[in-house]
N, C-alpha and C. Protein backbone atom coordinates (compact mmCIF):
# COMPACT_ATOMS: atom_id res chain seq x y z
N MET A 1 7.48 15.09 -11.91
CA MET A 1 8.27 13.86 -11.87
C MET A 1 7.47 12.69 -12.44
N THR A 2 8.05 11.98 -13.39
CA THR A 2 7.40 10.82 -13.98
C THR A 2 7.54 9.61 -13.06
N ILE A 3 6.44 8.96 -12.75
CA ILE A 3 6.46 7.79 -11.87
C ILE A 3 6.92 6.57 -12.67
N GLN A 4 7.96 5.92 -12.17
CA GLN A 4 8.45 4.70 -12.80
C GLN A 4 7.72 3.52 -12.19
N MET A 5 7.12 2.70 -13.04
CA MET A 5 6.35 1.59 -12.52
C MET A 5 6.72 0.29 -13.23
N MET A 6 6.45 -0.80 -12.54
CA MET A 6 6.73 -2.14 -13.05
C MET A 6 5.46 -2.95 -12.98
N LEU A 7 5.29 -3.87 -13.91
CA LEU A 7 4.12 -4.74 -13.94
C LEU A 7 4.53 -6.18 -13.67
N ALA A 8 3.72 -6.90 -12.90
CA ALA A 8 3.98 -8.31 -12.65
C ALA A 8 2.67 -9.08 -12.79
N ASP A 9 2.56 -9.84 -13.88
CA ASP A 9 1.34 -10.60 -14.14
C ASP A 9 1.70 -11.72 -15.11
N ASP A 10 1.18 -12.92 -14.88
CA ASP A 10 1.54 -14.04 -15.74
C ASP A 10 0.73 -14.09 -17.03
N HIS A 11 -0.28 -13.23 -17.17
CA HIS A 11 -1.06 -13.18 -18.40
C HIS A 11 -0.47 -12.12 -19.33
N ARG A 12 0.16 -12.56 -20.39
CA ARG A 12 0.89 -11.65 -21.27
C ARG A 12 -0.03 -10.60 -21.89
N MET A 13 -1.23 -11.01 -22.33
CA MET A 13 -2.13 -10.07 -22.98
C MET A 13 -2.54 -8.95 -22.02
N LEU A 14 -2.87 -9.34 -20.77
CA LEU A 14 -3.24 -8.33 -19.78
C LEU A 14 -2.06 -7.42 -19.46
N ARG A 15 -0.89 -8.02 -19.33
CA ARG A 15 0.32 -7.25 -19.01
C ARG A 15 0.61 -6.23 -20.10
N GLU A 16 0.52 -6.66 -21.35
CA GLU A 16 0.80 -5.75 -22.46
C GLU A 16 -0.26 -4.66 -22.56
N GLY A 17 -1.51 -5.02 -22.29
CA GLY A 17 -2.57 -4.02 -22.30
C GLY A 17 -2.39 -2.99 -21.21
N LEU A 18 -2.02 -3.46 -20.01
CA LEU A 18 -1.76 -2.54 -18.90
C LEU A 18 -0.59 -1.63 -19.20
N SER A 19 0.44 -2.20 -19.82
CA SER A 19 1.63 -1.41 -20.15
C SER A 19 1.26 -0.26 -21.08
N ARG A 20 0.46 -0.55 -22.10
CA ARG A 20 0.05 0.51 -23.04
C ARG A 20 -0.81 1.56 -22.33
N SER A 21 -1.75 1.07 -21.53
CA SER A 21 -2.66 1.99 -20.84
C SER A 21 -1.92 2.88 -19.86
N MET A 22 -1.01 2.31 -19.09
CA MET A 22 -0.28 3.09 -18.09
C MET A 22 0.66 4.09 -18.77
N SER A 23 1.24 3.70 -19.89
CA SER A 23 2.09 4.63 -20.64
C SER A 23 1.27 5.81 -21.15
N GLU A 24 0.04 5.52 -21.60
CA GLU A 24 -0.85 6.58 -22.08
C GLU A 24 -1.26 7.53 -20.95
N HIS A 25 -1.24 7.03 -19.70
CA HIS A 25 -1.57 7.86 -18.55
C HIS A 25 -0.35 8.61 -18.00
N GLY A 26 0.78 8.50 -18.70
CA GLY A 26 1.95 9.29 -18.33
C GLY A 26 2.96 8.60 -17.45
N PHE A 27 2.81 7.29 -17.21
CA PHE A 27 3.76 6.56 -16.39
C PHE A 27 4.89 5.99 -17.25
N ASP A 28 6.04 5.80 -16.65
CA ASP A 28 7.17 5.19 -17.33
C ASP A 28 7.23 3.72 -16.91
N VAL A 29 6.75 2.82 -17.77
CA VAL A 29 6.75 1.39 -17.46
C VAL A 29 8.15 0.84 -17.74
N VAL A 30 8.90 0.57 -16.68
CA VAL A 30 10.31 0.22 -16.82
C VAL A 30 10.56 -1.28 -16.90
N GLY A 31 9.55 -2.09 -16.58
CA GLY A 31 9.76 -3.53 -16.63
C GLY A 31 8.47 -4.31 -16.51
N GLU A 32 8.48 -5.54 -17.04
CA GLU A 32 7.32 -6.43 -16.97
C GLU A 32 7.80 -7.82 -16.57
N ALA A 33 7.24 -8.35 -15.48
CA ALA A 33 7.60 -9.68 -15.00
C ALA A 33 6.42 -10.63 -15.19
N SER A 34 6.74 -11.90 -15.49
CA SER A 34 5.69 -12.88 -15.76
C SER A 34 5.43 -13.83 -14.61
N ASP A 35 6.22 -13.75 -13.54
CA ASP A 35 5.97 -14.57 -12.35
C ASP A 35 6.59 -13.90 -11.14
N GLY A 36 6.33 -14.46 -9.95
CA GLY A 36 6.79 -13.83 -8.72
C GLY A 36 8.29 -13.78 -8.57
N VAL A 37 8.96 -14.85 -8.96
CA VAL A 37 10.42 -14.90 -8.84
C VAL A 37 11.06 -13.83 -9.73
N GLU A 38 10.57 -13.74 -10.96
CA GLU A 38 11.09 -12.72 -11.88
C GLU A 38 10.80 -11.31 -11.36
N ALA A 39 9.63 -11.15 -10.72
CA ALA A 39 9.26 -9.84 -10.18
C ALA A 39 10.22 -9.40 -9.09
N VAL A 40 10.59 -10.33 -8.21
CA VAL A 40 11.53 -10.00 -7.12
C VAL A 40 12.88 -9.60 -7.69
N ALA A 41 13.39 -10.39 -8.62
CA ALA A 41 14.70 -10.09 -9.23
C ALA A 41 14.67 -8.77 -9.98
N MET A 42 13.59 -8.52 -10.72
CA MET A 42 13.48 -7.29 -11.50
C MET A 42 13.36 -6.07 -10.59
N ALA A 43 12.62 -6.21 -9.49
CA ALA A 43 12.47 -5.10 -8.54
C ALA A 43 13.81 -4.74 -7.91
N HIS A 44 14.62 -5.75 -7.58
CA HIS A 44 15.96 -5.51 -7.04
C HIS A 44 16.79 -4.70 -8.03
N ARG A 45 16.67 -5.04 -9.31
CA ARG A 45 17.51 -4.41 -10.33
C ARG A 45 17.00 -3.03 -10.72
N LEU A 46 15.70 -2.88 -10.89
CA LEU A 46 15.14 -1.63 -11.41
C LEU A 46 14.73 -0.63 -10.35
N ARG A 47 14.37 -1.14 -9.16
CA ARG A 47 13.91 -0.28 -8.05
C ARG A 47 12.87 0.75 -8.51
N PRO A 48 11.75 0.28 -9.04
CA PRO A 48 10.71 1.20 -9.52
C PRO A 48 10.02 1.91 -8.37
N ASP A 49 9.29 2.96 -8.69
CA ASP A 49 8.54 3.68 -7.66
C ASP A 49 7.34 2.85 -7.19
N VAL A 50 6.64 2.24 -8.15
CA VAL A 50 5.43 1.48 -7.85
C VAL A 50 5.40 0.21 -8.69
N ILE A 51 4.91 -0.88 -8.09
CA ILE A 51 4.71 -2.13 -8.83
C ILE A 51 3.24 -2.49 -8.78
N LEU A 52 2.66 -2.81 -9.96
CA LEU A 52 1.34 -3.41 -10.04
C LEU A 52 1.55 -4.91 -10.05
N MET A 53 1.09 -5.60 -9.00
CA MET A 53 1.43 -7.01 -8.79
C MET A 53 0.18 -7.88 -8.78
N ASP A 54 0.13 -8.86 -9.67
CA ASP A 54 -0.96 -9.82 -9.66
C ASP A 54 -0.80 -10.72 -8.44
N VAL A 55 -1.92 -11.10 -7.82
CA VAL A 55 -1.86 -11.98 -6.65
C VAL A 55 -1.49 -13.40 -7.05
N SER A 56 -2.14 -13.92 -8.08
CA SER A 56 -1.94 -15.32 -8.49
C SER A 56 -0.95 -15.42 -9.63
N MET A 57 0.26 -15.89 -9.31
CA MET A 57 1.30 -16.07 -10.33
C MET A 57 2.05 -17.36 -10.06
N PRO A 58 2.65 -17.97 -11.10
CA PRO A 58 3.44 -19.20 -10.90
C PRO A 58 4.78 -18.90 -10.24
N GLU A 59 5.43 -19.97 -9.82
CA GLU A 59 6.74 -19.92 -9.18
C GLU A 59 6.68 -19.32 -7.77
N MET A 60 6.08 -18.15 -7.65
CA MET A 60 5.92 -17.47 -6.36
C MET A 60 4.71 -16.56 -6.47
N ASP A 61 3.78 -16.64 -5.51
CA ASP A 61 2.58 -15.81 -5.63
C ASP A 61 2.90 -14.35 -5.33
N GLY A 62 1.95 -13.48 -5.67
CA GLY A 62 2.19 -12.04 -5.53
C GLY A 62 2.38 -11.57 -4.11
N VAL A 63 1.71 -12.22 -3.15
CA VAL A 63 1.84 -11.79 -1.75
C VAL A 63 3.26 -12.07 -1.24
N GLU A 64 3.79 -13.27 -1.53
CA GLU A 64 5.16 -13.58 -1.10
C GLU A 64 6.17 -12.70 -1.84
N ALA A 65 5.94 -12.46 -3.12
CA ALA A 65 6.82 -11.56 -3.88
C ALA A 65 6.78 -10.17 -3.27
N CYS A 66 5.60 -9.71 -2.88
CA CYS A 66 5.45 -8.40 -2.23
C CYS A 66 6.26 -8.36 -0.95
N ARG A 67 6.16 -9.42 -0.14
CA ARG A 67 6.89 -9.46 1.13
C ARG A 67 8.40 -9.34 0.91
N GLN A 68 8.91 -10.09 -0.07
CA GLN A 68 10.35 -10.08 -0.33
C GLN A 68 10.81 -8.73 -0.90
N ILE A 69 10.01 -8.17 -1.78
CA ILE A 69 10.38 -6.88 -2.38
C ILE A 69 10.36 -5.78 -1.34
N ARG A 70 9.31 -5.74 -0.49
CA ARG A 70 9.20 -4.70 0.52
C ARG A 70 10.34 -4.79 1.54
N SER A 71 10.82 -6.00 1.78
CA SER A 71 11.94 -6.18 2.71
C SER A 71 13.24 -5.70 2.11
N ALA A 72 13.44 -5.96 0.82
CA ALA A 72 14.71 -5.62 0.16
C ALA A 72 14.71 -4.23 -0.45
N VAL A 73 13.54 -3.78 -0.94
CA VAL A 73 13.44 -2.47 -1.60
C VAL A 73 12.28 -1.71 -0.96
N PRO A 74 12.44 -1.26 0.29
CA PRO A 74 11.32 -0.69 1.05
C PRO A 74 10.70 0.57 0.47
N ASP A 75 11.44 1.29 -0.39
CA ASP A 75 10.89 2.52 -0.97
C ASP A 75 9.92 2.24 -2.12
N THR A 76 9.92 1.03 -2.64
CA THR A 76 9.02 0.67 -3.72
C THR A 76 7.63 0.38 -3.16
N LYS A 77 6.62 1.04 -3.70
CA LYS A 77 5.24 0.81 -3.28
C LYS A 77 4.63 -0.30 -4.15
N ILE A 78 3.77 -1.11 -3.55
CA ILE A 78 3.18 -2.22 -4.29
C ILE A 78 1.67 -2.18 -4.20
N VAL A 79 1.03 -2.22 -5.37
CA VAL A 79 -0.43 -2.28 -5.47
C VAL A 79 -0.78 -3.67 -6.01
N MET A 80 -1.55 -4.42 -5.24
CA MET A 80 -1.93 -5.77 -5.63
C MET A 80 -3.16 -5.75 -6.53
N LEU A 81 -3.16 -6.64 -7.53
CA LEU A 81 -4.31 -6.81 -8.42
C LEU A 81 -4.84 -8.23 -8.27
N THR A 82 -6.15 -8.38 -8.19
CA THR A 82 -6.73 -9.71 -8.02
C THR A 82 -8.05 -9.82 -8.76
N MET A 83 -8.43 -11.04 -9.09
CA MET A 83 -9.70 -11.27 -9.76
C MET A 83 -10.86 -11.17 -8.79
N HIS A 84 -10.61 -11.52 -7.52
CA HIS A 84 -11.68 -11.59 -6.55
C HIS A 84 -11.32 -10.83 -5.27
N ALA A 85 -12.32 -10.29 -4.62
CA ALA A 85 -12.11 -9.54 -3.37
C ALA A 85 -12.05 -10.52 -2.20
N ASP A 86 -11.00 -11.30 -2.13
CA ASP A 86 -10.82 -12.30 -1.09
C ASP A 86 -10.25 -11.66 0.18
N GLN A 87 -11.02 -11.70 1.28
CA GLN A 87 -10.60 -11.02 2.50
C GLN A 87 -9.33 -11.64 3.10
N GLY A 88 -9.19 -12.97 2.96
CA GLY A 88 -7.99 -13.61 3.49
C GLY A 88 -6.74 -13.15 2.76
N VAL A 89 -6.83 -13.06 1.43
CA VAL A 89 -5.69 -12.58 0.64
C VAL A 89 -5.42 -11.12 0.95
N LEU A 90 -6.48 -10.35 1.15
CA LEU A 90 -6.33 -8.94 1.50
C LEU A 90 -5.55 -8.80 2.80
N ALA A 91 -5.89 -9.62 3.81
CA ALA A 91 -5.18 -9.58 5.09
C ALA A 91 -3.71 -9.92 4.91
N ASN A 92 -3.44 -10.96 4.10
CA ASN A 92 -2.05 -11.35 3.86
C ASN A 92 -1.29 -10.27 3.12
N ALA A 93 -1.96 -9.59 2.19
CA ALA A 93 -1.32 -8.51 1.44
C ALA A 93 -0.96 -7.35 2.36
N ILE A 94 -1.86 -7.05 3.31
CA ILE A 94 -1.58 -5.99 4.29
C ILE A 94 -0.36 -6.35 5.12
N ARG A 95 -0.32 -7.61 5.58
CA ARG A 95 0.82 -8.06 6.38
C ARG A 95 2.12 -7.98 5.57
N ALA A 96 2.03 -8.28 4.28
CA ALA A 96 3.22 -8.29 3.42
C ALA A 96 3.73 -6.90 3.09
N GLY A 97 2.91 -5.87 3.35
CA GLY A 97 3.36 -4.51 3.11
C GLY A 97 2.78 -3.83 1.89
N ALA A 98 1.76 -4.45 1.27
CA ALA A 98 1.13 -3.81 0.11
C ALA A 98 0.42 -2.54 0.56
N CYS A 99 0.48 -1.51 -0.27
CA CYS A 99 -0.19 -0.25 0.08
C CYS A 99 -1.37 0.01 -0.85
N GLY A 100 -1.77 -1.01 -1.62
CA GLY A 100 -2.92 -0.88 -2.47
C GLY A 100 -3.44 -2.25 -2.85
N TYR A 101 -4.75 -2.34 -3.10
CA TYR A 101 -5.35 -3.63 -3.41
C TYR A 101 -6.55 -3.35 -4.30
N LEU A 102 -6.50 -3.82 -5.56
CA LEU A 102 -7.56 -3.54 -6.53
C LEU A 102 -8.08 -4.82 -7.16
N VAL A 103 -9.37 -4.85 -7.42
CA VAL A 103 -9.93 -5.96 -8.19
C VAL A 103 -9.78 -5.63 -9.67
N LYS A 104 -9.61 -6.67 -10.50
CA LYS A 104 -9.26 -6.46 -11.90
C LYS A 104 -10.40 -5.94 -12.76
N ASP A 105 -11.60 -5.82 -12.21
CA ASP A 105 -12.68 -5.26 -13.02
C ASP A 105 -12.73 -3.74 -12.93
N CYS A 106 -11.75 -3.14 -12.26
CA CYS A 106 -11.72 -1.68 -12.18
C CYS A 106 -11.20 -1.11 -13.51
N SER A 107 -11.43 0.16 -13.72
CA SER A 107 -11.03 0.80 -14.98
C SER A 107 -9.54 1.17 -14.94
N THR A 108 -8.99 1.44 -16.13
CA THR A 108 -7.59 1.87 -16.19
C THR A 108 -7.42 3.22 -15.49
N GLU A 109 -8.45 4.05 -15.50
CA GLU A 109 -8.39 5.33 -14.79
C GLU A 109 -8.26 5.10 -13.29
N GLU A 110 -8.99 4.10 -12.76
CA GLU A 110 -8.90 3.77 -11.34
C GLU A 110 -7.53 3.21 -10.99
N ILE A 111 -6.98 2.40 -11.89
CA ILE A 111 -5.64 1.86 -11.65
C ILE A 111 -4.61 2.99 -11.65
N ALA A 112 -4.71 3.89 -12.60
CA ALA A 112 -3.79 5.03 -12.67
C ALA A 112 -3.89 5.87 -11.40
N ALA A 113 -5.11 6.11 -10.94
CA ALA A 113 -5.30 6.89 -9.71
C ALA A 113 -4.71 6.17 -8.52
N ALA A 114 -4.85 4.84 -8.49
CA ALA A 114 -4.31 4.05 -7.37
C ALA A 114 -2.79 4.10 -7.35
N VAL A 115 -2.18 4.07 -8.53
CA VAL A 115 -0.71 4.15 -8.61
C VAL A 115 -0.23 5.50 -8.07
N ARG A 116 -0.91 6.56 -8.45
CA ARG A 116 -0.52 7.89 -7.96
C ARG A 116 -0.74 8.00 -6.45
N THR A 117 -1.83 7.41 -5.97
CA THR A 117 -2.12 7.42 -4.54
C THR A 117 -1.04 6.68 -3.77
N ALA A 118 -0.67 5.49 -4.26
CA ALA A 118 0.38 4.71 -3.61
C ALA A 118 1.71 5.45 -3.63
N PHE A 119 2.02 6.06 -4.76
CA PHE A 119 3.28 6.81 -4.88
C PHE A 119 3.35 7.95 -3.87
N SER A 120 2.20 8.57 -3.60
CA SER A 120 2.17 9.69 -2.65
C SER A 120 2.24 9.24 -1.21
N GLY A 121 2.13 7.92 -0.99
CA GLY A 121 2.23 7.40 0.37
C GLY A 121 0.91 7.05 1.02
N ASP A 122 -0.18 7.20 0.27
CA ASP A 122 -1.50 6.85 0.80
C ASP A 122 -1.87 5.42 0.41
N VAL A 123 -2.90 4.88 1.05
CA VAL A 123 -3.38 3.53 0.76
C VAL A 123 -4.41 3.59 -0.36
N ALA A 124 -4.24 2.73 -1.37
CA ALA A 124 -5.15 2.70 -2.52
C ALA A 124 -5.96 1.42 -2.50
N LEU A 125 -7.28 1.56 -2.40
CA LEU A 125 -8.16 0.40 -2.36
C LEU A 125 -9.34 0.58 -3.31
N SER A 126 -9.79 -0.52 -3.92
CA SER A 126 -11.06 -0.47 -4.62
C SER A 126 -12.13 -0.13 -3.59
N PRO A 127 -13.09 0.72 -3.93
CA PRO A 127 -14.13 1.11 -2.97
C PRO A 127 -14.80 -0.07 -2.30
N SER A 128 -15.01 -1.17 -3.04
CA SER A 128 -15.69 -2.34 -2.49
C SER A 128 -14.86 -3.05 -1.43
N LEU A 129 -13.56 -2.71 -1.35
CA LEU A 129 -12.68 -3.40 -0.40
C LEU A 129 -12.43 -2.60 0.86
N ALA A 130 -12.87 -1.35 0.92
CA ALA A 130 -12.56 -0.50 2.07
C ALA A 130 -13.08 -1.10 3.36
N VAL A 131 -14.34 -1.56 3.37
CA VAL A 131 -14.92 -2.14 4.58
C VAL A 131 -14.19 -3.43 4.95
N SER A 132 -13.88 -4.25 3.93
CA SER A 132 -13.18 -5.51 4.17
C SER A 132 -11.83 -5.27 4.81
N MET A 133 -11.14 -4.21 4.37
CA MET A 133 -9.83 -3.91 4.93
C MET A 133 -9.95 -3.61 6.42
N LEU A 134 -10.94 -2.78 6.79
CA LEU A 134 -11.11 -2.46 8.20
C LEU A 134 -11.44 -3.70 9.01
N GLU A 135 -12.25 -4.60 8.43
CA GLU A 135 -12.59 -5.83 9.13
C GLU A 135 -11.34 -6.68 9.36
N GLU A 136 -10.49 -6.76 8.34
CA GLU A 136 -9.28 -7.56 8.48
C GLU A 136 -8.30 -6.93 9.47
N VAL A 137 -8.22 -5.61 9.48
CA VAL A 137 -7.35 -4.94 10.44
C VAL A 137 -7.83 -5.24 11.85
N ARG A 138 -9.14 -5.22 12.05
CA ARG A 138 -9.69 -5.54 13.37
C ARG A 138 -9.34 -6.97 13.79
N LYS A 139 -9.40 -7.90 12.84
CA LYS A 139 -9.05 -9.30 13.14
C LYS A 139 -7.58 -9.43 13.53
N LEU A 140 -6.74 -8.58 12.89
CA LEU A 140 -5.31 -8.65 13.17
C LEU A 140 -4.94 -8.02 14.50
N THR A 141 -5.86 -7.31 15.09
CA THR A 141 -5.60 -6.62 16.35
C THR A 141 -6.49 -7.19 17.42
N SER A 142 -5.90 -7.69 18.47
CA SER A 142 -6.68 -8.31 19.54
C SER A 142 -6.35 -7.68 20.88
N ALA A 143 -7.39 -7.41 21.67
CA ALA A 143 -7.27 -6.89 23.03
C ALA A 143 -6.20 -5.83 23.18
N PRO A 144 -6.31 -4.70 22.52
CA PRO A 144 -5.30 -3.66 22.64
C PRO A 144 -5.23 -3.11 24.06
N ALA A 145 -4.04 -2.99 24.56
CA ALA A 145 -3.84 -2.44 25.91
C ALA A 145 -2.95 -1.21 25.80
N ARG A 146 -3.41 -0.11 26.33
CA ARG A 146 -2.66 1.15 26.22
C ARG A 146 -1.33 1.05 26.94
N GLU A 147 -0.26 1.33 26.22
CA GLU A 147 1.07 1.31 26.80
C GLU A 147 1.51 2.74 27.07
N ASP A 148 2.68 2.89 27.66
CA ASP A 148 3.21 4.22 27.89
C ASP A 148 3.30 4.95 26.55
N ARG A 149 3.12 6.25 26.59
CA ARG A 149 3.09 7.03 25.36
C ARG A 149 4.38 6.85 24.56
N VAL A 150 4.23 6.44 23.32
CA VAL A 150 5.37 6.23 22.43
C VAL A 150 5.49 7.40 21.47
N VAL A 151 4.35 7.88 20.98
CA VAL A 151 4.32 9.01 20.07
C VAL A 151 3.74 10.22 20.78
N THR A 152 3.96 11.39 20.21
CA THR A 152 3.44 12.61 20.82
C THR A 152 1.93 12.71 20.61
N LYS A 153 1.30 13.61 21.35
CA LYS A 153 -0.14 13.81 21.22
C LYS A 153 -0.49 14.23 19.80
N ARG A 154 0.32 15.08 19.21
CA ARG A 154 0.09 15.54 17.85
C ARG A 154 0.18 14.38 16.86
N GLU A 155 1.17 13.51 17.07
CA GLU A 155 1.33 12.35 16.20
C GLU A 155 0.15 11.39 16.35
N GLU A 156 -0.38 11.28 17.58
CA GLU A 156 -1.57 10.47 17.80
C GLU A 156 -2.74 10.99 16.96
N GLU A 157 -2.88 12.31 16.92
CA GLU A 157 -3.97 12.92 16.15
C GLU A 157 -3.82 12.58 14.67
N VAL A 158 -2.58 12.66 14.17
CA VAL A 158 -2.31 12.32 12.77
C VAL A 158 -2.67 10.85 12.52
N LEU A 159 -2.22 9.98 13.40
CA LEU A 159 -2.49 8.54 13.25
C LEU A 159 -3.98 8.25 13.24
N GLN A 160 -4.72 8.89 14.14
CA GLN A 160 -6.15 8.64 14.22
C GLN A 160 -6.87 9.07 12.95
N LEU A 161 -6.48 10.22 12.41
CA LEU A 161 -7.10 10.69 11.17
C LEU A 161 -6.77 9.77 10.01
N ILE A 162 -5.54 9.26 9.98
CA ILE A 162 -5.15 8.30 8.94
C ILE A 162 -5.95 7.01 9.11
N ALA A 163 -6.09 6.54 10.36
CA ALA A 163 -6.86 5.32 10.64
C ALA A 163 -8.32 5.49 10.23
N ASN A 164 -8.81 6.72 10.28
CA ASN A 164 -10.19 6.99 9.88
C ASN A 164 -10.35 7.04 8.36
N GLY A 165 -9.25 6.87 7.64
CA GLY A 165 -9.31 6.85 6.19
C GLY A 165 -8.86 8.12 5.50
N GLY A 166 -8.33 9.06 6.26
CA GLY A 166 -7.90 10.32 5.68
C GLY A 166 -6.60 10.21 4.89
N SER A 167 -6.50 10.98 3.83
CA SER A 167 -5.26 11.06 3.05
C SER A 167 -4.36 12.11 3.67
N THR A 168 -3.16 12.25 3.14
CA THR A 168 -2.24 13.28 3.63
C THR A 168 -2.88 14.66 3.52
N ALA A 169 -3.53 14.91 2.39
CA ALA A 169 -4.19 16.21 2.19
C ALA A 169 -5.33 16.41 3.18
N ASP A 170 -6.11 15.35 3.43
CA ASP A 170 -7.23 15.45 4.38
C ASP A 170 -6.73 15.80 5.78
N VAL A 171 -5.65 15.12 6.20
CA VAL A 171 -5.10 15.37 7.54
C VAL A 171 -4.59 16.80 7.64
N ALA A 172 -3.92 17.25 6.61
CA ALA A 172 -3.40 18.62 6.60
C ALA A 172 -4.53 19.63 6.75
N ASP A 173 -5.62 19.40 6.01
CA ASP A 173 -6.76 20.33 6.07
C ASP A 173 -7.41 20.32 7.45
N GLN A 174 -7.61 19.14 8.02
CA GLN A 174 -8.30 19.04 9.30
C GLN A 174 -7.46 19.55 10.47
N MET A 175 -6.14 19.46 10.34
CA MET A 175 -5.27 19.90 11.43
C MET A 175 -4.70 21.30 11.19
N PHE A 176 -5.06 21.89 10.03
CA PHE A 176 -4.60 23.23 9.67
C PHE A 176 -3.07 23.32 9.65
N ILE A 177 -2.47 22.30 9.04
CA ILE A 177 -1.02 22.28 8.86
C ILE A 177 -0.73 21.94 7.41
N SER A 178 0.53 22.04 7.00
CA SER A 178 0.89 21.74 5.62
C SER A 178 1.03 20.23 5.42
N GLN A 179 0.94 19.80 4.16
CA GLN A 179 1.13 18.39 3.86
C GLN A 179 2.55 17.95 4.20
N LYS A 180 3.50 18.86 4.05
CA LYS A 180 4.89 18.54 4.40
C LYS A 180 5.01 18.24 5.89
N THR A 181 4.28 19.02 6.72
CA THR A 181 4.31 18.77 8.17
C THR A 181 3.69 17.42 8.49
N VAL A 182 2.60 17.06 7.79
CA VAL A 182 1.98 15.75 7.99
C VAL A 182 2.98 14.65 7.66
N LYS A 183 3.68 14.80 6.55
CA LYS A 183 4.67 13.79 6.15
C LYS A 183 5.81 13.70 7.16
N ASN A 184 6.19 14.84 7.74
CA ASN A 184 7.24 14.83 8.78
C ASN A 184 6.75 14.07 10.01
N HIS A 185 5.48 14.31 10.39
CA HIS A 185 4.90 13.57 11.51
C HIS A 185 4.91 12.07 11.22
N LEU A 186 4.51 11.70 10.00
CA LEU A 186 4.45 10.29 9.63
C LEU A 186 5.84 9.65 9.66
N ALA A 187 6.84 10.37 9.19
CA ALA A 187 8.21 9.85 9.21
C ALA A 187 8.65 9.57 10.66
N SER A 188 8.30 10.47 11.56
CA SER A 188 8.63 10.29 12.97
C SER A 188 7.88 9.10 13.56
N ILE A 189 6.60 8.97 13.18
CA ILE A 189 5.77 7.86 13.66
C ILE A 189 6.35 6.52 13.19
N TYR A 190 6.73 6.45 11.90
CA TYR A 190 7.28 5.21 11.36
C TYR A 190 8.52 4.79 12.15
N GLN A 191 9.36 5.76 12.46
CA GLN A 191 10.59 5.46 13.19
C GLN A 191 10.28 4.96 14.61
N LYS A 192 9.34 5.63 15.28
CA LYS A 192 9.02 5.26 16.66
C LYS A 192 8.30 3.92 16.76
N LEU A 193 7.49 3.61 15.75
CA LEU A 193 6.73 2.35 15.78
C LEU A 193 7.42 1.25 14.97
N ASP A 194 8.59 1.55 14.42
CA ASP A 194 9.33 0.60 13.60
C ASP A 194 8.43 0.06 12.48
N ALA A 195 7.80 0.99 11.76
CA ALA A 195 6.85 0.64 10.69
C ALA A 195 7.40 1.07 9.34
N ARG A 196 7.06 0.32 8.31
CA ARG A 196 7.52 0.64 6.95
C ARG A 196 6.64 1.70 6.31
N ASP A 197 5.34 1.68 6.62
CA ASP A 197 4.39 2.55 5.95
C ASP A 197 3.20 2.79 6.86
N ARG A 198 2.23 3.56 6.37
CA ARG A 198 1.11 3.94 7.22
C ARG A 198 0.21 2.77 7.58
N THR A 199 0.07 1.79 6.68
CA THR A 199 -0.76 0.63 7.01
C THR A 199 -0.18 -0.13 8.19
N GLN A 200 1.12 -0.38 8.16
CA GLN A 200 1.77 -1.09 9.26
C GLN A 200 1.75 -0.24 10.52
N ALA A 201 1.92 1.06 10.38
CA ALA A 201 1.88 1.95 11.54
C ALA A 201 0.51 1.90 12.22
N ILE A 202 -0.56 1.89 11.41
CA ILE A 202 -1.91 1.84 11.98
C ILE A 202 -2.13 0.52 12.71
N LEU A 203 -1.70 -0.59 12.09
CA LEU A 203 -1.84 -1.89 12.74
C LEU A 203 -1.17 -1.91 14.11
N ARG A 204 0.05 -1.40 14.16
CA ARG A 204 0.78 -1.42 15.43
C ARG A 204 0.19 -0.44 16.43
N ALA A 205 -0.28 0.70 15.93
CA ALA A 205 -0.88 1.70 16.83
C ALA A 205 -2.18 1.16 17.43
N VAL A 206 -2.95 0.41 16.66
CA VAL A 206 -4.19 -0.17 17.19
C VAL A 206 -3.85 -1.23 18.24
N ARG A 207 -2.86 -2.06 17.95
CA ARG A 207 -2.46 -3.08 18.92
C ARG A 207 -2.02 -2.45 20.25
N MET A 208 -1.37 -1.29 20.15
CA MET A 208 -0.86 -0.62 21.34
C MET A 208 -1.92 0.25 22.03
N GLY A 209 -3.09 0.37 21.39
CA GLY A 209 -4.14 1.18 21.98
C GLY A 209 -3.97 2.67 21.75
N ILE A 210 -3.10 3.03 20.81
CA ILE A 210 -2.85 4.45 20.53
C ILE A 210 -4.01 5.05 19.75
N VAL A 211 -4.55 4.27 18.79
CA VAL A 211 -5.70 4.73 18.01
C VAL A 211 -6.75 3.62 18.02
N SER A 212 -7.95 3.97 17.59
CA SER A 212 -9.04 2.98 17.52
C SER A 212 -9.67 3.01 16.15
N LEU A 213 -10.30 1.91 15.78
CA LEU A 213 -11.03 1.80 14.52
C LEU A 213 -12.51 1.68 14.87
N ASP A 214 -13.19 2.80 14.86
CA ASP A 214 -14.60 2.80 15.25
C ASP A 214 -15.50 2.64 14.04
């Protein structure tokens, strides 16, 4: 299956370069937006699988555009692109529902890998941002108090492995189950925790004391 992706960046040269590079990596670039407002409208119309979204754009910034798109088109995954590894922006992007966050000095191969990771349902981060993400998640979670069991013990195990940074394949290997079973567990977890994706599920599970970030 060819992944349909959209680009949102106010720098035309960068946008055109990314479009060529992503096409060469086998993606179908279905649209290019030059600002946040255009990105929201285009996402509504095209409903791409993944959007590469610049953080700093005119009219509406990438984080707010991400929030609006994720609310209206929840199946679309969004990977944020930024010039700097700003922890505050990273926290806001997590809250907005982004499932990936990359600094712009990464290679096109890393961007392509991040798009595929996001499409598969995993979180895509530049390696330099992994620690920052955990720090921001900890800041977003305060004094977790264990509530009555909401998810099953098996689902707790899945959540904990995901919180530890495991991918769908990693969880399947460690639990000796299929990736399809892991995805079924995740679908059940999302429904029970009223979460859009695994990042939001982890945040809520930590707040509830279901999992920990050690």
